[in-house]
């Protein structure tokens, strides 16, 4: 016998993915490394004053 009197359960909410999940993605880390390297390189270039 099937019990049709129960209401269907709503789907479980998805786990929230925070900042650490985003930073664990290799393409994002590669992009941030390149941008950080460029900013660091230009700041060193400005400080040395070649």
Protein backbone atom coordinates (compact mmCIF):
# COMPACT_ATOMS: atom_id res chain seq x y z
CA UNK A 1 0.00 0.00 0.00
CA UNK A 2 1.24 3.44 -0.90
CA UNK A 3 0.82 6.27 1.55
CA UNK A 4 -0.22 9.30 -0.51
CA UNK A 5 -1.22 11.39 2.51
CA UNK A 6 2.32 12.67 3.08
CA UNK A 7 3.39 15.85 1.38
CA UNK A 8 6.51 15.47 -0.77
CA UNK A 9 9.64 16.67 0.96
CA UNK A 10 11.30 19.72 -0.57
CA UNK A 11 14.78 19.09 -1.97
CA UNK A 12 17.61 19.62 0.48
CA UNK A 13 19.22 23.05 0.10
CA UNK A 14 22.57 23.04 -1.64
CA UNK A 15 25.59 23.64 0.51
CA UNK A 16 26.72 27.26 0.30
CA UNK A 17 30.06 27.60 -1.36
CA UNK A 18 32.15 30.33 0.15
CA UNK A 19 35.32 32.19 -0.63
CA UNK A 20 37.61 29.24 0.10
CA UNK A 21 35.85 27.18 -2.55
CA UNK A 22 36.35 29.97 -5.09
CA UNK A 23 40.03 30.30 -4.22
CA UNK A 24 40.56 26.56 -4.64
CA UNK A 25 39.88 26.76 -8.37
CA UNK A 26 43.14 26.52 -10.38
CA UNK A 27 42.22 29.00 -13.17
CA UNK A 28 41.33 31.66 -10.62
CA UNK A 29 44.55 31.08 -8.68
CA UNK A 30 46.58 31.28 -11.89
CA UNK A 31 44.87 34.54 -12.86
CA UNK A 32 45.41 36.04 -9.41
CA UNK A 33 49.06 34.98 -9.47
CA UNK A 34 49.64 36.64 -12.84
CA UNK A 35 47.87 39.84 -11.79
CA UNK A 36 49.73 39.90 -8.46
CA UNK A 37 53.03 39.36 -10.26
CA UNK A 38 52.35 42.22 -12.65
CA UNK A 39 51.42 44.56 -9.80
CA UNK A 40 54.50 43.50 -7.83
CA UNK A 41 56.74 43.93 -10.86
CA UNK A 42 55.46 47.40 -11.64
CA UNK A 43 55.79 48.49 -8.01
CA UNK A 44 59.40 47.26 -7.87
CA UNK A 45 60.09 49.01 -11.17
CA UNK A 46 58.68 52.27 -9.77
CA UNK A 47 60.60 51.96 -6.50
CA UNK A 48 63.93 51.26 -8.17
CA UNK A 49 63.37 54.03 -10.72
CA UNK A 50 65.18 52.59 -13.70
